[in-house]
């Protein structure tokens, strides 16, 4: 390769976004993530009953563009999400169940074993492999809100995302009416980057706020708080 061609190749490499640690497969997790009060693990088919308990609530559906579902439809939806275990291409997603330790699940008891209740879930979605970006989303049962559980779980998911999947940027799309989720974004150190006007049709046109956090900013925040 001539010096001129080598320089051109180096210039192209310089413009290329740093590669994420892909593919990521949930089966590679040797143990679940643990916070002070919760266990974060991949959603499983047996979580269907617990997830239905919050997925069916109008106050949850108000901010998440899920259609109202019957218990059977919700079970099919949970099976679908439980099967989403690999991050490799743009659009791929993976879901952590928020299992609250010591809270008994609403699911039927199997073999007399206690199962911790799933009170919410956290999504990681590859919004762009080319630009090394991940989208973050979450939902928590309203009965368990106001206890700091959401920020506890999502903060751990952010740590996992940056340390394991290694995106350059993490983003969250929040319905402008959802002040609690906007406040959570700010607590995580995310900045409001802009507002999309009437970008979602769900019970009428709704606006979305875009929050973002760079890996360098997250690392700097960790160093400051250490």
C-alpha atoms as a PDB file:
ATOM      1  CA  UNK A   1       0.000   0.000   0.000  1.00  0.00           C
ATOM      2  CA  UNK A   2       1.401   3.421  -0.947  1.00  0.00           C
ATOM      3  CA  UNK A   3       1.801   6.148   1.655  1.00  0.00           C
ATOM      4  CA  UNK A   4      -1.035   8.077  -0.008  1.00  0.00           C
ATOM      5  CA  UNK A   5      -3.428   5.127   0.129  1.00  0.00           C
ATOM      6  CA  UNK A   6      -2.411   4.367   3.712  1.00  0.00           C
ATOM      7  CA  UNK A   7      -3.181   7.964   4.703  1.00  0.00           C
ATOM      8  CA  UNK A   8      -6.591   7.745   3.057  1.00  0.00           C
ATOM      9  CA  UNK A   9      -7.320   4.472   4.907  1.00  0.00           C
ATOM     10  CA  UNK A  10      -6.278   6.064   8.206  1.00  0.00           C
ATOM     11  CA  UNK A  11      -8.582   9.006   7.514  1.00  0.00           C
ATOM     12  CA  UNK A  12     -11.529   6.662   6.912  1.00  0.00           C
ATOM     13  CA  UNK A  13     -10.746   4.775  10.141  1.00  0.00           C
ATOM     14  CA  UNK A  14     -10.651   8.067  12.024  1.00  0.00           C
ATOM     15  CA  UNK A  15     -14.161   8.871  10.841  1.00  0.00           C
ATOM     16  CA  UNK A  16     -15.497   5.462  11.823  1.00  0.00           C
ATOM     17  CA  UNK A  17     -17.326   5.306  15.156  1.00  0.00           C
ATOM     18  CA  UNK A  18     -15.701   3.102  17.825  1.00  0.00           C
ATOM     19  CA  UNK A  19     -17.128  -0.395  17.617  1.00  0.00           C
ATOM     20  CA  UNK A  20     -19.408  -1.626  20.363  1.00  0.00           C
ATOM     21  CA  UNK A  21     -18.842  -4.997  22.024  1.00  0.00           C
ATOM     22  CA  UNK A  22     -21.172  -6.835  19.677  1.00  0.00           C
ATOM     23  CA  UNK A  23     -22.741  -9.254  19.353  1.00  0.00           C
ATOM     24  CA  UNK A  24     -24.014  -9.453  22.929  1.00  0.00           C
ATOM     25  CA  UNK A  25     -26.009 -12.541  23.882  1.00  0.00           C
ATOM     26  CA  UNK A  26     -27.976 -12.785  27.126  1.00  0.00           C
ATOM     27  CA  UNK A  27     -26.838 -16.385  27.433  1.00  0.00           C
ATOM     28  CA  UNK A  28     -23.340 -15.041  28.076  1.00  0.00           C
ATOM     29  CA  UNK A  29     -24.462 -13.591  31.412  1.00  0.00           C
ATOM     30  CA  UNK A  30     -23.035 -15.891  34.057  1.00  0.00           C
ATOM     31  CA  UNK A  31     -25.119 -14.264  36.791  1.00  0.00           C
ATOM     32  CA  UNK A  32     -27.881 -11.641  37.052  1.00  0.00           C
ATOM     33  CA  UNK A  33     -27.187  -8.033  37.974  1.00  0.00           C
ATOM     34  CA  UNK A  34     -27.895  -7.189  41.601  1.00  0.00           C
ATOM     35  CA  UNK A  35     -28.710  -3.847  43.186  1.00  0.00           C
ATOM     36  CA  UNK A  36     -29.483  -3.152  46.828  1.00  0.00           C
ATOM     37  CA  UNK A  37     -33.086  -4.357  46.508  1.00  0.00           C
ATOM     38  CA  UNK A  38     -33.461  -5.904  43.083  1.00  0.00           C
ATOM     39  CA  UNK A  39     -32.178  -8.571  40.743  1.00  0.00           C
ATOM     40  CA  UNK A  40     -31.970  -7.628  37.068  1.00  0.00           C
ATOM     41  CA  UNK A  41     -32.074 -10.627  34.727  1.00  0.00           C
ATOM     42  CA  UNK A  42     -33.364 -11.381  31.228  1.00  0.00           C
ATOM     43  CA  UNK A  43     -37.152 -11.488  30.967  1.00  0.00           C
ATOM     44  CA  UNK A  44     -38.453 -15.067  31.054  1.00  0.00           C
ATOM     45  CA  UNK A  45     -41.751 -16.551  29.811  1.00  0.00           C
ATOM     46  CA  UNK A  46     -42.774 -17.273  33.424  1.00  0.00           C
ATOM     47  CA  UNK A  47     -42.742 -13.513  34.126  1.00  0.00           C
ATOM     48  CA  UNK A  48     -45.901 -13.104  32.082  1.00  0.00           C
ATOM     49  CA  UNK A  49     -48.327 -12.835  35.025  1.00  0.00           C
ATOM     50  CA  UNK A  50     -46.236 -10.249  36.852  1.00  0.00           C
ATOM     51  CA  UNK A  51     -45.731  -8.172  33.705  1.00  0.00           C
ATOM     52  CA  UNK A  52     -49.451  -8.318  32.923  1.00  0.00           C
ATOM     53  CA  UNK A  53     -50.138  -6.707  36.311  1.00  0.00           C
ATOM     54  CA  UNK A  54     -48.550  -3.441  35.193  1.00  0.00           C
ATOM     55  CA  UNK A  55     -48.818  -3.740  31.434  1.00  0.00           C
ATOM     56  CA  UNK A  56     -52.618  -3.585  31.635  1.00  0.00           C
ATOM     57  CA  UNK A  57     -52.828  -0.382  33.727  1.00  0.00           C
ATOM     58  CA  UNK A  58     -54.089   2.812  32.035  1.00  0.00           C
ATOM     59  CA  UNK A  59     -51.544   4.947  33.927  1.00  0.00           C
ATOM     60  CA  UNK A  60     -48.754   2.842  32.399  1.00  0.00           C
ATOM     61  CA  UNK A  61     -50.220   2.759  28.901  1.00  0.00           C
ATOM     62  CA  UNK A  62     -50.617   6.532  28.978  1.00  0.00           C
ATOM     63  CA  UNK A  63     -46.886   7.017  28.378  1.00  0.00           C
ATOM     64  CA  UNK A  64     -45.908   3.847  26.524  1.00  0.00           C
ATOM     65  CA  UNK A  65     -47.349   3.223  23.039  1.00  0.00           C
ATOM     66  CA  UNK A  66     -48.459  -0.311  23.843  1.00  0.00           C
ATOM     67  CA  UNK A  67     -51.984  -1.268  22.792  1.00  0.00           C
ATOM     68  CA  UNK A  68     -54.341  -2.530  25.514  1.00  0.00           C
ATOM     69  CA  UNK A  69     -53.882  -6.302  25.689  1.00  0.00           C
ATOM     70  CA  UNK A  70     -55.828  -9.181  27.156  1.00  0.00           C
ATOM     71  CA  UNK A  71     -53.963 -11.517  29.530  1.00  0.00           C
ATOM     72  CA  UNK A  72     -53.461 -13.962  26.662  1.00  0.00           C
ATOM     73  CA  UNK A  73     -52.174 -11.236  24.329  1.00  0.00           C
ATOM     74  CA  UNK A  74     -49.851  -9.972  27.055  1.00  0.00           C
ATOM     75  CA  UNK A  75     -48.496 -13.482  27.510  1.00  0.00           C
ATOM     76  CA  UNK A  76     -47.663 -13.691  23.799  1.00  0.00           C
ATOM     77  CA  UNK A  77     -45.974 -10.280  24.033  1.00  0.00           C
ATOM     78  CA  UNK A  78     -43.870 -11.426  26.984  1.00  0.00           C
ATOM     79  CA  UNK A  79     -42.865 -14.574  25.098  1.00  0.00           C
ATOM     80  CA  UNK A  80     -41.736 -12.373  22.216  1.00  0.00           C
ATOM     81  CA  UNK A  81     -39.672 -10.105  24.455  1.00  0.00           C
ATOM     82  CA  UNK A  82     -38.203 -13.080  26.344  1.00  0.00           C
ATOM     83  CA  UNK A  83     -36.928 -14.341  22.998  1.00  0.00           C
ATOM     84  CA  UNK A  84     -35.121 -11.066  22.276  1.00  0.00           C
ATOM     85  CA  UNK A  85     -31.788 -12.006  23.818  1.00  0.00           C
ATOM     86  CA  UNK A  86     -29.193 -10.843  21.306  1.00  0.00           C
ATOM     87  CA  UNK A  87     -27.812  -7.426  20.359  1.00  0.00           C
ATOM     88  CA  UNK A  88     -26.099  -7.504  16.990  1.00  0.00           C
ATOM     89  CA  UNK A  89     -27.852  -5.290  14.425  1.00  0.00           C
ATOM     90  CA  UNK A  90     -29.605  -1.921  14.520  1.00  0.00           C
ATOM     91  CA  UNK A  91     -33.086  -2.421  15.944  1.00  0.00           C
ATOM     92  CA  UNK A  92     -32.195  -5.416  18.138  1.00  0.00           C
ATOM     93  CA  UNK A  93     -33.382  -5.132  21.740  1.00  0.00           C
ATOM     94  CA  UNK A  94     -32.886  -6.868  25.062  1.00  0.00           C
ATOM     95  CA  UNK A  95     -35.019  -6.600  28.211  1.00  0.00           C
ATOM     96  CA  UNK A  96     -34.052  -6.861  31.868  1.00  0.00           C
ATOM     97  CA  UNK A  97     -36.771  -7.872  34.333  1.00  0.00           C
ATOM     98  CA  UNK A  98     -36.729  -5.920  37.620  1.00  0.00           C
ATOM     99  CA  UNK A  99     -37.262  -8.660  40.216  1.00  0.00           C
ATOM    100  CA  UNK A 100     -37.872  -7.163  43.665  1.00  0.00           C
ATOM    101  CA  UNK A 101     -36.258  -9.436  46.219  1.00  0.00           C
ATOM    102  CA  UNK A 102     -38.590 -10.565  49.001  1.00  0.00           C
ATOM    103  CA  UNK A 103     -41.760  -9.555  47.109  1.00  0.00           C
ATOM    104  CA  UNK A 104     -43.766 -12.646  46.214  1.00  0.00           C
ATOM    105  CA  UNK A 105     -44.614 -13.074  42.551  1.00  0.00           C
ATOM    106  CA  UNK A 106     -48.211 -13.194  41.351  1.00  0.00           C
ATOM    107  CA  UNK A 107     -47.287 -16.209  39.189  1.00  0.00           C
ATOM    108  CA  UNK A 108     -48.402 -19.676  40.331  1.00  0.00           C
ATOM    109  CA  UNK A 109     -45.991 -21.352  42.747  1.00  0.00           C
ATOM    110  CA  UNK A 110     -43.918 -24.111  41.119  1.00  0.00           C
ATOM    111  CA  UNK A 111     -42.387 -26.870  43.276  1.00  0.00           C
ATOM    112  CA  UNK A 112     -43.084 -24.755  46.394  1.00  0.00           C
ATOM    113  CA  UNK A 113     -40.350 -22.349  45.349  1.00  0.00           C
ATOM    114  CA  UNK A 114     -40.705 -18.659  46.111  1.00  0.00           C
ATOM    115  CA  UNK A 115     -40.261 -16.461  43.050  1.00  0.00           C
ATOM    116  CA  UNK A 116     -39.428 -12.769  43.403  1.00  0.00           C
ATOM    117  CA  UNK A 117     -41.979 -10.512  41.779  1.00  0.00           C
ATOM    118  CA  UNK A 118     -41.155  -8.675  38.560  1.00  0.00           C
ATOM    119  CA  UNK A 119     -42.264  -5.082  39.165  1.00  0.00           C
ATOM    120  CA  UNK A 120     -40.877  -3.524  35.984  1.00  0.00           C
ATOM    121  CA  UNK A 121     -38.424  -3.920  33.146  1.00  0.00           C
ATOM    122  CA  UNK A 122     -35.587  -2.083  31.424  1.00  0.00           C
ATOM    123  CA  UNK A 123     -34.961  -2.127  27.681  1.00  0.00           C
ATOM    124  CA  UNK A 124     -31.690  -1.724  25.829  1.00  0.00           C
ATOM    125  CA  UNK A 125     -32.133  -1.260  22.072  1.00  0.00           C
ATOM    126  CA  UNK A 126     -29.478  -0.826  19.410  1.00  0.00           C
ATOM    127  CA  UNK A 127     -30.527   2.457  17.843  1.00  0.00           C
ATOM    128  CA  UNK A 128     -27.439   2.586  15.609  1.00  0.00           C
ATOM    129  CA  UNK A 129     -24.574   0.148  15.257  1.00  0.00           C
ATOM    130  CA  UNK A 130     -22.874   2.491  12.776  1.00  0.00           C
ATOM    131  CA  UNK A 131     -22.821   5.355  15.280  1.00  0.00           C
ATOM    132  CA  UNK A 132     -22.415   3.187  18.414  1.00  0.00           C
ATOM    133  CA  UNK A 133     -25.667   4.250  20.061  1.00  0.00           C
ATOM    134  CA  UNK A 134     -28.035   2.499  22.443  1.00  0.00           C
ATOM    135  CA  UNK A 135     -31.565   3.501  23.439  1.00  0.00           C
ATOM    136  CA  UNK A 136     -32.688   3.046  27.015  1.00  0.00           C
ATOM    137  CA  UNK A 137     -36.297   2.542  28.138  1.00  0.00           C
ATOM    138  CA  UNK A 138     -38.043   1.430  31.313  1.00  0.00           C
ATOM    139  CA  UNK A 139     -41.376   0.836  33.000  1.00  0.00           C
ATOM    140  CA  UNK A 140     -42.228   0.312  36.679  1.00  0.00           C
ATOM    141  CA  UNK A 141     -45.482  -0.836  38.266  1.00  0.00           C
ATOM    142  CA  UNK A 142     -47.157   2.302  39.726  1.00  0.00           C
ATOM    143  CA  UNK A 143     -47.697   0.533  43.062  1.00  0.00           C
ATOM    144  CA  UNK A 144     -43.914   0.404  43.509  1.00  0.00           C
ATOM    145  CA  UNK A 145     -43.129   3.950  42.442  1.00  0.00           C
ATOM    146  CA  UNK A 146     -41.909   6.600  44.863  1.00  0.00           C
ATOM    147  CA  UNK A 147     -39.354   4.254  46.479  1.00  0.00           C
ATOM    148  CA  UNK A 148     -36.354   4.938  44.262  1.00  0.00           C
ATOM    149  CA  UNK A 149     -36.602   1.535  42.602  1.00  0.00           C
ATOM    150  CA  UNK A 150     -36.619   2.854  39.044  1.00  0.00           C
ATOM    151  CA  UNK A 151     -33.468   4.931  39.417  1.00  0.00           C
ATOM    152  CA  UNK A 152     -31.782   2.032  41.245  1.00  0.00           C
ATOM    153  CA  UNK A 153     -32.526  -0.395  38.430  1.00  0.00           C
ATOM    154  CA  UNK A 154     -31.939   1.954  35.510  1.00  0.00           C
ATOM    155  CA  UNK A 155     -28.655   3.212  36.945  1.00  0.00           C
ATOM    156  CA  UNK A 156     -27.424  -0.384  37.069  1.00  0.00           C
ATOM    157  CA  UNK A 157     -28.632  -0.958  33.505  1.00  0.00           C
ATOM    158  CA  UNK A 158     -26.688   2.137  32.403  1.00  0.00           C
ATOM    159  CA  UNK A 159     -23.548   0.787  34.079  1.00  0.00           C
ATOM    160  CA  UNK A 160     -24.048  -2.547  32.350  1.00  0.00           C
ATOM    161  CA  UNK A 161     -24.622  -0.864  28.994  1.00  0.00           C
ATOM    162  CA  UNK A 162     -21.463   1.238  29.089  1.00  0.00           C
ATOM    163  CA  UNK A 163     -19.203  -1.422  30.624  1.00  0.00           C
ATOM    164  CA  UNK A 164     -20.415  -4.455  28.673  1.00  0.00           C
ATOM    165  CA  UNK A 165     -21.943  -3.261  25.368  1.00  0.00           C
ATOM    166  CA  UNK A 166     -19.749  -0.125  25.256  1.00  0.00           C
ATOM    167  CA  UNK A 167     -21.802   2.379  23.215  1.00  0.00           C
ATOM    168  CA  UNK A 168     -20.468   5.860  22.530  1.00  0.00           C
ATOM    169  CA  UNK A 169     -23.837   7.362  23.425  1.00  0.00           C
ATOM    170  CA  UNK A 170     -26.936   6.345  25.352  1.00  0.00           C
ATOM    171  CA  UNK A 171     -30.292   7.996  24.659  1.00  0.00           C
ATOM    172  CA  UNK A 172     -33.813   7.945  26.081  1.00  0.00           C
ATOM    173  CA  UNK A 173     -37.071   9.078  24.451  1.00  0.00           C
ATOM    174  CA  UNK A 174     -39.570  10.392  27.004  1.00  0.00           C
ATOM    175  CA  UNK A 175     -43.176  11.509  26.562  1.00  0.00           C
ATOM    176  CA  UNK A 176     -43.163  15.184  27.588  1.00  0.00           C
ATOM    177  CA  UNK A 177     -46.066  14.518  29.955  1.00  0.00           C
ATOM    178  CA  UNK A 178     -44.025  11.927  31.844  1.00  0.00           C
ATOM    179  CA  UNK A 179     -42.347  14.220  34.360  1.00  0.00           C
ATOM    180  CA  UNK A 180     -41.214  11.303  36.560  1.00  0.00           C
ATOM    181  CA  UNK A 181     -39.196   9.710  33.757  1.00  0.00           C
ATOM    182  CA  UNK A 182     -37.741  13.090  32.777  1.00  0.00           C
ATOM    183  CA  UNK A 183     -36.617  13.581  36.385  1.00  0.00           C
ATOM    184  CA  UNK A 184     -35.059  10.108  36.376  1.00  0.00           C
ATOM    185  CA  UNK A 185     -33.071  10.982  33.251  1.00  0.00           C
ATOM    186  CA  UNK A 186     -31.694  14.066  34.965  1.00  0.00           C
ATOM    187  CA  UNK A 187     -30.763  12.043  38.072  1.00  0.00           C
ATOM    188  CA  UNK A 188     -28.781   9.724  35.811  1.00  0.00           C
ATOM    189  CA  UNK A 189     -26.850  12.704  34.481  1.00  0.00           C
ATOM    190  CA  UNK A 190     -28.547  12.706  31.089  1.00  0.00           C
ATOM    191  CA  UNK A 191     -29.038  16.026  29.326  1.00  0.00           C
ATOM    192  CA  UNK A 192     -32.157  17.203  27.519  1.00  0.00           C
ATOM    193  CA  UNK A 193     -31.003  17.441  23.906  1.00  0.00           C
ATOM    194  CA  UNK A 194     -34.231  18.485  22.264  1.00  0.00           C
ATOM    195  CA  UNK A 195     -37.978  18.074  21.878  1.00  0.00           C
ATOM    196  CA  UNK A 196     -39.665  16.370  18.937  1.00  0.00           C
ATOM    197  CA  UNK A 197     -43.023  17.989  18.252  1.00  0.00           C
ATOM    198  CA  UNK A 198     -45.927  15.629  17.580  1.00  0.00           C
ATOM    199  CA  UNK A 199     -43.599  12.796  16.589  1.00  0.00           C
ATOM    200  CA  UNK A 200     -45.786  10.011  18.046  1.00  0.00           C
ATOM    201  CA  UNK A 201     -49.433   9.258  17.382  1.00  0.00           C
ATOM    202  CA  UNK A 202     -50.856   7.648  20.489  1.00  0.00           C
ATOM    203  CA  UNK A 203     -54.190   8.810  21.830  1.00  0.00           C
ATOM    204  CA  UNK A 204     -53.565  11.940  19.791  1.00  0.00           C
ATOM    205  CA  UNK A 205     -50.282  13.514  18.706  1.00  0.00           C
ATOM    206  CA  UNK A 206     -47.678  13.549  21.471  1.00  0.00           C
ATOM    207  CA  UNK A 207     -44.324  15.302  21.851  1.00  0.00           C
ATOM    208  CA  UNK A 208     -41.123  13.510  22.918  1.00  0.00           C
ATOM    209  CA  UNK A 209     -38.065  14.755  24.780  1.00  0.00           C
ATOM    210  CA  UNK A 210     -34.679  13.279  23.850  1.00  0.00           C
ATOM    211  CA  UNK A 211     -32.141  12.782  26.634  1.00  0.00           C
ATOM    212  CA  UNK A 212     -28.551  11.731  26.000  1.00  0.00           C
ATOM    213  CA  UNK A 213     -25.410  10.666  27.847  1.00  0.00           C
ATOM    214  CA  UNK A 214     -21.950  10.040  26.393  1.00  0.00           C
ATOM    215  CA  UNK A 215     -19.750   7.263  27.719  1.00  0.00           C
ATOM    216  CA  UNK A 216     -17.017   9.823  28.455  1.00  0.00           C
ATOM    217  CA  UNK A 217     -19.493  11.829  30.552  1.00  0.00           C
ATOM    218  CA  UNK A 218     -20.615   8.733  32.424  1.00  0.00           C
ATOM    219  CA  UNK A 219     -17.021   7.764  33.141  1.00  0.00           C
ATOM    220  CA  UNK A 220     -16.235  11.281  34.352  1.00  0.00           C
ATOM    221  CA  UNK A 221     -19.259  11.203  36.642  1.00  0.00           C
ATOM    222  CA  UNK A 222     -18.164   7.867  38.085  1.00  0.00           C
ATOM    223  CA  UNK A 223     -14.680   9.219  38.730  1.00  0.00           C
ATOM    224  CA  UNK A 224     -16.073  12.296  40.483  1.00  0.00           C
ATOM    225  CA  UNK A 225     -18.357  10.281  42.758  1.00  0.00           C
ATOM    226  CA  UNK A 226     -15.684   7.679  43.622  1.00  0.00           C
END
